[in-house]
C-alpha atoms as a PDB file:
ATOM      1  CA  UNK A   1       8.366  16.775  -4.974  1.00  0.00           C
ATOM      2  CA  UNK A   2       5.553  14.408  -2.852  1.00  0.00           C
ATOM      3  CA  UNK A   3       3.238  11.813  -3.639  1.00  0.00           C
ATOM      4  CA  UNK A   4      -0.438  12.615  -3.357  1.00  0.00           C
ATOM      5  CA  UNK A   5      -1.090  11.407   0.338  1.00  0.00           C
ATOM      6  CA  UNK A   6      -3.320   8.723   0.623  1.00  0.00           C
ATOM      7  CA  UNK A   7      -6.314   7.700   0.939  1.00  0.00           C
ATOM      8  CA  UNK A   8      -6.119   6.254  -2.362  1.00  0.00           C
ATOM      9  CA  UNK A   9      -9.202   4.375  -3.752  1.00  0.00           C
ATOM     10  CA  UNK A  10      -9.777   2.747  -7.573  1.00  0.00           C
ATOM     11  CA  UNK A  11     -12.966   4.042  -9.174  1.00  0.00           C
ATOM     12  CA  UNK A  12     -14.136   1.547 -11.648  1.00  0.00           C
ATOM     13  CA  UNK A  13     -17.260   2.793 -13.115  1.00  0.00           C
ATOM     14  CA  UNK A  14     -17.480   4.212 -16.290  1.00  0.00           C
ATOM     15  CA  UNK A  15     -15.700   1.623 -18.148  1.00  0.00           C
ATOM     16  CA  UNK A  16     -12.336   3.992 -17.384  1.00  0.00           C
ATOM     17  CA  UNK A  17     -10.116   2.659 -13.881  1.00  0.00           C
ATOM     18  CA  UNK A  18      -9.048   5.835 -12.164  1.00  0.00           C
ATOM     19  CA  UNK A  19      -6.857   5.966  -8.997  1.00  0.00           C
ATOM     20  CA  UNK A  20      -8.421   9.125  -6.888  1.00  0.00           C
ATOM     21  CA  UNK A  21      -8.336  10.556  -3.689  1.00  0.00           C
ATOM     22  CA  UNK A  22     -11.666  11.498  -2.303  1.00  0.00           C
ATOM     23  CA  UNK A  23     -11.421  13.036   1.301  1.00  0.00           C
ATOM     24  CA  UNK A  24     -14.301  14.664   3.115  1.00  0.00           C
ATOM     25  CA  UNK A  25     -15.795  14.929  -0.869  1.00  0.00           C
ATOM     26  CA  UNK A  26     -12.414  16.513  -2.157  1.00  0.00           C
ATOM     27  CA  UNK A  27     -11.435  14.644  -4.958  1.00  0.00           C
ATOM     28  CA  UNK A  28      -7.791  14.547  -6.484  1.00  0.00           C
ATOM     29  CA  UNK A  29      -6.922  12.415  -9.341  1.00  0.00           C
ATOM     30  CA  UNK A  30      -3.887  10.245  -8.366  1.00  0.00           C
ATOM     31  CA  UNK A  31      -3.901   8.304 -12.079  1.00  0.00           C
ATOM     32  CA  UNK A  32      -6.715   9.337 -14.773  1.00  0.00           C
ATOM     33  CA  UNK A  33      -7.102   7.976 -18.089  1.00  0.00           C
ATOM     34  CA  UNK A  34      -7.258  10.098 -21.197  1.00  0.00           C
ATOM     35  CA  UNK A  35      -7.453  10.608 -24.371  1.00  0.00           C
ATOM     36  CA  UNK A  36      -4.930  12.831 -25.972  1.00  0.00           C
ATOM     37  CA  UNK A  37      -5.363  15.527 -28.582  1.00  0.00           C
ATOM     38  CA  UNK A  38      -3.909  12.757 -31.261  1.00  0.00           C
ATOM     39  CA  UNK A  39      -6.888  10.143 -30.126  1.00  0.00           C
ATOM     40  CA  UNK A  40      -4.451   7.755 -28.529  1.00  0.00           C
ATOM     41  CA  UNK A  41      -4.437   6.882 -24.921  1.00  0.00           C
ATOM     42  CA  UNK A  42      -2.339   8.516 -21.905  1.00  0.00           C
ATOM     43  CA  UNK A  43      -2.185   8.781 -18.439  1.00  0.00           C
ATOM     44  CA  UNK A  44      -2.212  11.798 -16.119  1.00  0.00           C
ATOM     45  CA  UNK A  45       0.230  11.422 -13.046  1.00  0.00           C
ATOM     46  CA  UNK A  46       2.233  13.395 -11.571  1.00  0.00           C
ATOM     47  CA  UNK A  47       5.560  12.113 -11.419  1.00  0.00           C
ATOM     48  CA  UNK A  48       6.047  11.631  -7.704  1.00  0.00           C
ATOM     49  CA  UNK A  49       3.200   9.530  -7.647  1.00  0.00           C
ATOM     50  CA  UNK A  50       4.270   7.349 -10.559  1.00  0.00           C
ATOM     51  CA  UNK A  51       7.698   6.847  -8.412  1.00  0.00           C
ATOM     52  CA  UNK A  52       5.771   5.969  -5.537  1.00  0.00           C
ATOM     53  CA  UNK A  53       3.790   3.533  -7.938  1.00  0.00           C
ATOM     54  CA  UNK A  54       7.288   2.128  -9.408  1.00  0.00           C
ATOM     55  CA  UNK A  55       8.448   1.382  -6.129  1.00  0.00           C
ATOM     56  CA  UNK A  56       5.600  -0.368  -4.238  1.00  0.00           C
ATOM     57  CA  UNK A  57       7.248  -4.005  -5.195  1.00  0.00           C
ATOM     58  CA  UNK A  58      10.612  -2.765  -3.441  1.00  0.00           C
ATOM     59  CA  UNK A  59       8.472  -1.623  -0.727  1.00  0.00           C
ATOM     60  CA  UNK A  60       6.452  -4.560  -0.498  1.00  0.00           C
ATOM     61  CA  UNK A  61      10.121  -6.695  -0.507  1.00  0.00           C
ATOM     62  CA  UNK A  62      11.357  -4.732   2.302  1.00  0.00           C
ATOM     63  CA  UNK A  63       8.134  -4.955   4.162  1.00  0.00           C
ATOM     64  CA  UNK A  64       8.519  -9.059   3.774  1.00  0.00           C
ATOM     65  CA  UNK A  65      12.110  -8.955   4.715  1.00  0.00           C
ATOM     66  CA  UNK A  66      11.465  -6.863   7.929  1.00  0.00           C
ATOM     67  CA  UNK A  67       8.259  -9.162   8.687  1.00  0.00           C
ATOM     68  CA  UNK A  68      10.712 -11.756   8.284  1.00  0.00           C
ATOM     69  CA  UNK A  69      13.330 -10.649  11.020  1.00  0.00           C
ATOM     70  CA  UNK A  70      10.643  -9.781  13.918  1.00  0.00           C
ATOM     71  CA  UNK A  71      12.645 -10.200  16.768  1.00  0.00           C
ATOM     72  CA  UNK A  72       9.524 -10.698  19.226  1.00  0.00           C
ATOM     73  CA  UNK A  73       8.086 -13.798  17.353  1.00  0.00           C
ATOM     74  CA  UNK A  74      10.918 -14.771  15.119  1.00  0.00           C
ATOM     75  CA  UNK A  75       9.344 -13.644  11.788  1.00  0.00           C
ATOM     76  CA  UNK A  76       6.225 -15.956  12.378  1.00  0.00           C
ATOM     77  CA  UNK A  77       3.656 -13.292  13.342  1.00  0.00           C
ATOM     78  CA  UNK A  78       3.144 -15.362  16.145  1.00  0.00           C
ATOM     79  CA  UNK A  79       4.335 -15.469  19.363  1.00  0.00           C
ATOM     80  CA  UNK A  80       6.759 -18.768  20.235  1.00  0.00           C
ATOM     81  CA  UNK A  81       6.925 -17.933  23.968  1.00  0.00           C
ATOM     82  CA  UNK A  82       5.238 -16.228  26.785  1.00  0.00           C
ATOM     83  CA  UNK A  83       6.608 -12.619  27.553  1.00  0.00           C
ATOM     84  CA  UNK A  84       5.836  -9.548  28.481  1.00  0.00           C
ATOM     85  CA  UNK A  85       4.113  -8.572  25.300  1.00  0.00           C
ATOM     86  CA  UNK A  86       1.765 -11.638  24.976  1.00  0.00           C
ATOM     87  CA  UNK A  87       1.517 -15.104  25.396  1.00  0.00           C
ATOM     88  CA  UNK A  88       3.238 -17.981  23.347  1.00  0.00           C
ATOM     89  CA  UNK A  89       0.512 -18.252  20.239  1.00  0.00           C
ATOM     90  CA  UNK A  90      -1.173 -14.761  20.358  1.00  0.00           C
ATOM     91  CA  UNK A  91      -0.363 -12.912  17.359  1.00  0.00           C
ATOM     92  CA  UNK A  92       2.779 -10.468  17.642  1.00  0.00           C
ATOM     93  CA  UNK A  93       1.830  -7.063  18.547  1.00  0.00           C
ATOM     94  CA  UNK A  94       5.197  -6.021  16.954  1.00  0.00           C
ATOM     95  CA  UNK A  95       4.837  -6.778  13.813  1.00  0.00           C
ATOM     96  CA  UNK A  96       1.215  -6.658  13.253  1.00  0.00           C
ATOM     97  CA  UNK A  97       0.746  -3.344  11.592  1.00  0.00           C
ATOM     98  CA  UNK A  98       3.829  -4.043   8.674  1.00  0.00           C
ATOM     99  CA  UNK A  99       1.905  -7.926   8.025  1.00  0.00           C
ATOM    100  CA  UNK A 100      -1.346  -5.728   8.087  1.00  0.00           C
ATOM    101  CA  UNK A 101       0.199  -3.747   5.406  1.00  0.00           C
ATOM    102  CA  UNK A 102       1.576  -6.553   3.599  1.00  0.00           C
ATOM    103  CA  UNK A 103      -1.633  -8.449   3.815  1.00  0.00           C
ATOM    104  CA  UNK A 104      -3.551  -4.995   2.005  1.00  0.00           C
ATOM    105  CA  UNK A 105      -1.198  -5.066  -0.460  1.00  0.00           C
ATOM    106  CA  UNK A 106      -1.306  -8.852  -1.592  1.00  0.00           C
ATOM    107  CA  UNK A 107      -4.965  -9.150  -1.244  1.00  0.00           C
END
């Protein structure tokens, strides 16, 4: 069981919010609202995508923990001393990628 690969994009037109994957003109549903045969609302989503969405808060917490434990910048995101990686005051390249993911998730 594997989740739908990224990129995922929210579609918000037509009064329904939908989460889709659109690559090269090929669109896959990740999360799609529907009206069931009995008239009640429901969602179409794979068990793997449900599990990934459910784990998102835990994954964000873990990312924040790892960023706070960065040994190159003492968890600040900014170099504290001059070294081979950068100069004091520069953004830390060691944890920049995980900080970018955190920023994207919390924007």
